[in-house]
Every structure is written in C-alpha cells, then in structure tokens.
Amino acid sequence: MNKKIGEFISWAKENGWDITEKSGSPLNLDSSIITRYKEIPKEYLDFLSVVDKCVTPDEKTWFICEDEFNNSSDGAFKWNEVELLSLEAAMDDSNWKSEITTWWHSYLPIVMSVDGGYSFYAIDLTNDKGAIVHGCEPEFEEVEKAANTLEEFLALIMSNSIRFQ
C-alpha cells in the first residue's frame, strides 16, 4: 500500500471518520467507468484498492469508492451526482448538455459533499493530469485547483488545510 494512503487511513480512523478497508478482494470497477475514464491515475486506483468506504464524522462528505462507481452503494447519491445536477439545470439545451458531458469526461469525481451545499473534488485527467480540483454549486464546472496529486490532497486533508467536518 502507498505510504501516504496508509497514513491517511490511520489519520481518518483517529479523527472519527467512518473508514473501512477492503478485505482483500481485487478492485473491479464497472466497465462504464473504465470506458469513460481510460487513464485513471495509479495512485487513485491504489486508494480504491484498499479503501472500501471513507466518510467524514458528520456524514456530509465522502470519498467516492468502488461501490459508488459500480452503482452498488446504498447511498442516496450517485457517483456522478453533480454532473447529473448540471445536466438537469441545462434542461432542453442540447449544446449546454454536450458541453457538460464533455467537461466531465475530463474530470473524475473522487469526493462528494453536501456540507453547506453541493461540492466535489475531482481528478483532472486532461489539462493538468493528476491534479485535484474543487468545484461547487451553482457552477460545478468552474473549478479551482486544490492539489497537484492525490498524495498532496490527502496530506492537505490531514494537515487541516482542506477541512471537512
């Protein structure tokens, strides 16, 4: 296991997060995810290979893990909930819907939050490969860079530079 991921798991447990490690079963992402996101960074695949569930103590923010990607989670939100919200806002505007879908092909959501409104963190798969970006409502597709890598993102969470309740 990646050292930073191991440190994060320990930190999350110590800080009251609901985090469950995978029980040895290999990562098996739905083919629709693999087809849509052809170049998922290895460090995120490593994270998904060892973390089954990762939820903040207030249950308002969580990492999107294998069950969510495979639509087998009992959670109320889909892994691509913010994309679906954007598409709903676009209503019958097919050009806008196309722009939204194209944008999301380049950003893999990894954290979802409903704390103070909808927001997310995603991995940039095209422009700044591997960087973590943050977006929030109402303009989900207007994002700001939060970290250069997943490891840096986890370190920022552990140092409380990125705060989740």
C-alpha atoms as a PDB file:
ATOM      1  CA  MET A   1       0.000   0.000   0.000  1.00  0.00           C
ATOM      2  CA  ASN A   2       1.120   3.514  -0.777  1.00  0.00           C
ATOM      3  CA  LYS A   3       2.633   5.093   2.357  1.00  0.00           C
ATOM      4  CA  LYS A   4       0.542   8.291   2.149  1.00  0.00           C
ATOM      5  CA  ILE A   5      -2.662   6.269   1.750  1.00  0.00           C
ATOM      6  CA  GLY A   6      -1.739   4.236   4.837  1.00  0.00           C
ATOM      7  CA  GLU A   7      -1.057   7.441   6.790  1.00  0.00           C
ATOM      8  CA  PHE A   8      -4.400   8.850   5.654  1.00  0.00           C
ATOM      9  CA  ILE A   9      -6.297   5.707   6.716  1.00  0.00           C
ATOM     10  CA  SER A  10      -4.711   5.880  10.183  1.00  0.00           C
ATOM     11  CA  TRP A  11      -5.381   9.619  10.443  1.00  0.00           C
ATOM     12  CA  ALA A  12      -9.017   9.211   9.352  1.00  0.00           C
ATOM     13  CA  LYS A  13      -9.628   6.474  11.934  1.00  0.00           C
ATOM     14  CA  GLU A  14      -8.046   8.601  14.682  1.00  0.00           C
ATOM     15  CA  ASN A  15     -10.236  11.558  13.684  1.00  0.00           C
ATOM     16  CA  GLY A  16     -13.574   9.771  13.787  1.00  0.00           C
ATOM     17  CA  TRP A  17     -14.091   9.130  10.102  1.00  0.00           C
ATOM     18  CA  ASP A  18     -16.124   6.097   9.068  1.00  0.00           C
ATOM     19  CA  ILE A  19     -13.420   4.369   7.061  1.00  0.00           C
ATOM     20  CA  THR A  20     -13.454   0.729   6.069  1.00  0.00           C
ATOM     21  CA  GLU A  21     -10.528  -1.009   4.435  1.00  0.00           C
ATOM     22  CA  LYS A  22     -11.172  -3.513   1.660  1.00  0.00           C
ATOM     23  CA  SER A  23     -10.999  -7.149   2.660  1.00  0.00           C
ATOM     24  CA  GLY A  24      -8.569  -8.361   0.029  1.00  0.00           C
ATOM     25  CA  SER A  25     -10.940  -8.558  -2.942  1.00  0.00           C
ATOM     26  CA  PRO A  26      -9.378  -7.070  -6.076  1.00  0.00           C
ATOM     27  CA  LEU A  27     -10.597  -3.741  -7.416  1.00  0.00           C
ATOM     28  CA  ASN A  28     -13.285  -4.326 -10.022  1.00  0.00           C
ATOM     29  CA  LEU A  29     -14.648  -1.095 -11.468  1.00  0.00           C
ATOM     30  CA  ASP A  30     -17.701  -1.170 -13.697  1.00  0.00           C
ATOM     31  CA  SER A  31     -16.827  -1.244 -17.396  1.00  0.00           C
ATOM     32  CA  SER A  32     -18.689   2.043 -17.934  1.00  0.00           C
ATOM     33  CA  ILE A  33     -16.166   3.772 -15.631  1.00  0.00           C
ATOM     34  CA  ILE A  34     -13.162   2.141 -17.303  1.00  0.00           C
ATOM     35  CA  THR A  35     -14.534   3.022 -20.747  1.00  0.00           C
ATOM     36  CA  ARG A  36     -15.281   6.640 -19.867  1.00  0.00           C
ATOM     37  CA  TYR A  37     -12.104   7.291 -17.859  1.00  0.00           C
ATOM     38  CA  LYS A  38      -9.340   5.477 -19.690  1.00  0.00           C
ATOM     39  CA  GLU A  39      -6.405   6.971 -17.751  1.00  0.00           C
ATOM     40  CA  ILE A  40      -7.300   6.854 -14.052  1.00  0.00           C
ATOM     41  CA  PRO A  41      -4.101   7.666 -12.111  1.00  0.00           C
ATOM     42  CA  LYS A  42      -2.471   4.669 -10.453  1.00  0.00           C
ATOM     43  CA  GLU A  43      -2.419   6.388  -7.053  1.00  0.00           C
ATOM     44  CA  TYR A  44      -6.222   6.708  -7.106  1.00  0.00           C
ATOM     45  CA  LEU A  45      -6.609   3.086  -8.224  1.00  0.00           C
ATOM     46  CA  ASP A  46      -4.312   2.187  -5.297  1.00  0.00           C
ATOM     47  CA  PHE A  47      -6.614   4.143  -2.964  1.00  0.00           C
ATOM     48  CA  LEU A  48      -9.700   2.360  -4.320  1.00  0.00           C
ATOM     49  CA  SER A  49      -7.905  -0.977  -3.956  1.00  0.00           C
ATOM     50  CA  VAL A  50      -7.562  -0.559  -0.181  1.00  0.00           C
ATOM     51  CA  VAL A  51     -10.424   1.750   0.874  1.00  0.00           C
ATOM     52  CA  ASP A  52     -13.966   0.404   0.779  1.00  0.00           C
ATOM     53  CA  LYS A  53     -15.681   3.369   2.462  1.00  0.00           C
ATOM     54  CA  CYS A  54     -14.455   6.760   3.677  1.00  0.00           C
ATOM     55  CA  VAL A  55     -16.946   9.197   5.226  1.00  0.00           C
ATOM     56  CA  THR A  56     -16.390  12.256   7.422  1.00  0.00           C
ATOM     57  CA  PRO A  57     -17.692  12.152  11.013  1.00  0.00           C
ATOM     58  CA  ASP A  58     -20.710  14.355  10.160  1.00  0.00           C
ATOM     59  CA  GLU A  59     -21.522  12.091   7.166  1.00  0.00           C
ATOM     60  CA  LYS A  60     -21.795  15.115   4.846  1.00  0.00           C
ATOM     61  CA  THR A  61     -18.620  14.445   2.850  1.00  0.00           C
ATOM     62  CA  TRP A  62     -17.319  11.167   1.471  1.00  0.00           C
ATOM     63  CA  PHE A  63     -14.839   9.673  -0.938  1.00  0.00           C
ATOM     64  CA  ILE A  64     -16.418   8.006  -3.952  1.00  0.00           C
ATOM     65  CA  CYS A  65     -15.283   4.393  -3.741  1.00  0.00           C
ATOM     66  CA  GLU A  66     -15.761   1.207  -5.742  1.00  0.00           C
ATOM     67  CA  ASP A  67     -19.368   0.551  -4.640  1.00  0.00           C
ATOM     68  CA  GLU A  68     -20.435   4.052  -5.693  1.00  0.00           C
ATOM     69  CA  PHE A  69     -18.699   3.734  -9.070  1.00  0.00           C
ATOM     70  CA  ASN A  70     -20.354   0.345  -9.568  1.00  0.00           C
ATOM     71  CA  ASN A  71     -23.783   1.687  -8.549  1.00  0.00           C
ATOM     72  CA  SER A  72     -23.973  -0.901  -5.765  1.00  0.00           C
ATOM     73  CA  SER A  73     -23.845   1.543  -2.843  1.00  0.00           C
ATOM     74  CA  ASP A  74     -26.819   2.082  -0.573  1.00  0.00           C
ATOM     75  CA  GLY A  75     -26.066   5.829  -0.539  1.00  0.00           C
ATOM     76  CA  ALA A  76     -28.638   8.352  -1.714  1.00  0.00           C
ATOM     77  CA  PHE A  77     -26.231   9.936  -4.214  1.00  0.00           C
ATOM     78  CA  LYS A  78     -24.800   8.569  -7.429  1.00  0.00           C
ATOM     79  CA  TRP A  79     -21.045   8.796  -8.095  1.00  0.00           C
ATOM     80  CA  ASN A  80     -21.745  11.408 -10.814  1.00  0.00           C
ATOM     81  CA  GLU A  81     -24.455  13.299  -8.900  1.00  0.00           C
ATOM     82  CA  VAL A  82     -23.040  16.752  -9.632  1.00  0.00           C
ATOM     83  CA  GLU A  83     -22.848  16.027 -13.361  1.00  0.00           C
ATOM     84  CA  LEU A  84     -26.481  14.894 -13.249  1.00  0.00           C
ATOM     85  CA  LEU A  85     -27.442  18.114 -11.433  1.00  0.00           C
ATOM     86  CA  SER A  86     -25.700  20.169 -14.123  1.00  0.00           C
ATOM     87  CA  LEU A  87     -27.446  18.241 -16.884  1.00  0.00           C
ATOM     88  CA  GLU A  88     -30.778  18.802 -15.138  1.00  0.00           C
ATOM     89  CA  ALA A  89     -30.066  22.543 -14.967  1.00  0.00           C
ATOM     90  CA  ALA A  90     -29.344  22.554 -18.711  1.00  0.00           C
ATOM     91  CA  MET A  91     -32.909  21.309 -19.316  1.00  0.00           C
ATOM     92  CA  ASP A  92     -33.523  21.125 -23.074  1.00  0.00           C
ATOM     93  CA  ASP A  93     -30.358  22.962 -24.150  1.00  0.00           C
ATOM     94  CA  SER A  94     -28.575  20.203 -26.083  1.00  0.00           C
ATOM     95  CA  ASN A  95     -25.432  22.291 -26.704  1.00  0.00           C
ATOM     96  CA  TRP A  96     -25.062  23.045 -22.984  1.00  0.00           C
ATOM     97  CA  LYS A  97     -25.682  19.375 -22.120  1.00  0.00           C
ATOM     98  CA  SER A  98     -22.991  18.362 -24.595  1.00  0.00           C
ATOM     99  CA  GLU A  99     -20.529  20.838 -23.062  1.00  0.00           C
ATOM    100  CA  ILE A 100     -21.281  19.486 -19.571  1.00  0.00           C
ATOM    101  CA  THR A 101     -20.818  15.852 -20.605  1.00  0.00           C
ATOM    102  CA  THR A 102     -17.603  16.657 -22.475  1.00  0.00           C
ATOM    103  CA  TRP A 103     -16.247  18.528 -19.431  1.00  0.00           C
ATOM    104  CA  TRP A 104     -16.994  15.596 -17.103  1.00  0.00           C
ATOM    105  CA  HIS A 105     -15.191  13.182 -19.436  1.00  0.00           C
ATOM    106  CA  SER A 106     -12.013  15.019 -18.350  1.00  0.00           C
ATOM    107  CA  TYR A 107     -12.692  15.095 -14.599  1.00  0.00           C
ATOM    108  CA  LEU A 108     -13.172  12.024 -12.427  1.00  0.00           C
ATOM    109  CA  PRO A 109     -15.096  12.893  -9.243  1.00  0.00           C
ATOM    110  CA  ILE A 110     -13.475  11.411  -6.123  1.00  0.00           C
ATOM    111  CA  VAL A 111     -15.121  13.279  -3.205  1.00  0.00           C
ATOM    112  CA  MET A 112     -18.728  14.433  -2.851  1.00  0.00           C
ATOM    113  CA  SER A 113     -20.004  16.840  -0.210  1.00  0.00           C
ATOM    114  CA  VAL A 114     -23.393  18.158   0.837  1.00  0.00           C
ATOM    115  CA  ASP A 115     -21.951  20.293   3.639  1.00  0.00           C
ATOM    116  CA  GLY A 116     -23.291  23.816   3.051  1.00  0.00           C
ATOM    117  CA  GLY A 117     -24.363  22.972  -0.487  1.00  0.00           C
ATOM    118  CA  TYR A 118     -23.188  20.539  -3.137  1.00  0.00           C
ATOM    119  CA  SER A 119     -19.467  20.426  -3.863  1.00  0.00           C
ATOM    120  CA  PHE A 120     -16.908  17.925  -5.085  1.00  0.00           C
ATOM    121  CA  TYR A 121     -13.259  17.176  -5.658  1.00  0.00           C
ATOM    122  CA  ALA A 122     -12.173  15.527  -8.902  1.00  0.00           C
ATOM    123  CA  ILE A 123      -9.035  14.355 -10.639  1.00  0.00           C
ATOM    124  CA  ASP A 124      -8.133  16.323 -13.750  1.00  0.00           C
ATOM    125  CA  LEU A 125      -7.469  13.711 -16.426  1.00  0.00           C
ATOM    126  CA  THR A 126      -6.709  16.074 -19.318  1.00  0.00           C
ATOM    127  CA  ASN A 127      -5.412  19.587 -18.644  1.00  0.00           C
ATOM    128  CA  ASP A 128      -3.255  19.173 -15.518  1.00  0.00           C
ATOM    129  CA  LYS A 129      -3.163  15.373 -15.341  1.00  0.00           C
ATOM    130  CA  GLY A 130      -3.459  14.016 -11.822  1.00  0.00           C
ATOM    131  CA  ALA A 131      -4.233  17.377 -10.191  1.00  0.00           C
ATOM    132  CA  ILE A 132      -7.177  17.539  -7.796  1.00  0.00           C
ATOM    133  CA  VAL A 133      -9.729  20.267  -8.475  1.00  0.00           C
ATOM    134  CA  HIS A 134     -12.614  21.563  -6.361  1.00  0.00           C
ATOM    135  CA  GLY A 135     -15.977  22.699  -7.636  1.00  0.00           C
ATOM    136  CA  CYS A 136     -19.233  23.772  -6.031  1.00  0.00           C
ATOM    137  CA  GLU A 137     -22.723  24.857  -6.924  1.00  0.00           C
ATOM    138  CA  PRO A 138     -24.113  26.587  -8.805  1.00  0.00           C
ATOM    139  CA  GLU A 139     -21.382  26.392 -11.485  1.00  0.00           C
ATOM    140  CA  PHE A 140     -19.898  22.944 -10.882  1.00  0.00           C
ATOM    141  CA  GLU A 141     -17.697  23.080 -13.972  1.00  0.00           C
ATOM    142  CA  GLU A 142     -15.879  26.228 -12.787  1.00  0.00           C
ATOM    143  CA  VAL A 143     -13.194  24.598 -10.657  1.00  0.00           C
ATOM    144  CA  GLU A 144     -10.117  25.631  -8.716  1.00  0.00           C
ATOM    145  CA  LYS A 145      -7.018  23.529  -8.308  1.00  0.00           C
ATOM    146  CA  ALA A 146      -6.773  22.118  -4.772  1.00  0.00           C
ATOM    147  CA  ALA A 147      -3.667  19.909  -5.046  1.00  0.00           C
ATOM    148  CA  ASN A 148      -1.113  18.697  -7.577  1.00  0.00           C
ATOM    149  CA  THR A 149      -1.630  14.998  -6.776  1.00  0.00           C
ATOM    150  CA  LEU A 150      -3.808  12.682  -4.719  1.00  0.00           C
ATOM    151  CA  GLU A 151      -0.976  12.292  -2.197  1.00  0.00           C
ATOM    152  CA  GLU A 152      -0.782  16.068  -1.763  1.00  0.00           C
ATOM    153  CA  PHE A 153      -4.593  16.197  -1.436  1.00  0.00           C
ATOM    154  CA  LEU A 154      -4.533  13.583   1.344  1.00  0.00           C
ATOM    155  CA  ALA A 155      -1.707  15.479   3.076  1.00  0.00           C
ATOM    156  CA  LEU A 156      -3.730  18.709   2.896  1.00  0.00           C
ATOM    157  CA  ILE A 157      -6.714  16.964   4.491  1.00  0.00           C
ATOM    158  CA  MET A 158      -4.524  15.543   7.274  1.00  0.00           C
ATOM    159  CA  SER A 159      -2.998  18.983   7.960  1.00  0.00           C
ATOM    160  CA  ASN A 160      -6.486  20.568   8.037  1.00  0.00           C
ATOM    161  CA  SER A 161      -5.550  22.811   5.106  1.00  0.00           C
ATOM    162  CA  ILE A 162      -8.561  21.250   3.397  1.00  0.00           C
ATOM    163  CA  ARG A 163     -11.230  20.985   6.057  1.00  0.00           C
ATOM    164  CA  PHE A 164     -14.062  18.521   6.243  1.00  0.00           C
ATOM    165  CA  GLN A 165     -16.230  18.331   9.341  1.00  0.00           C
END
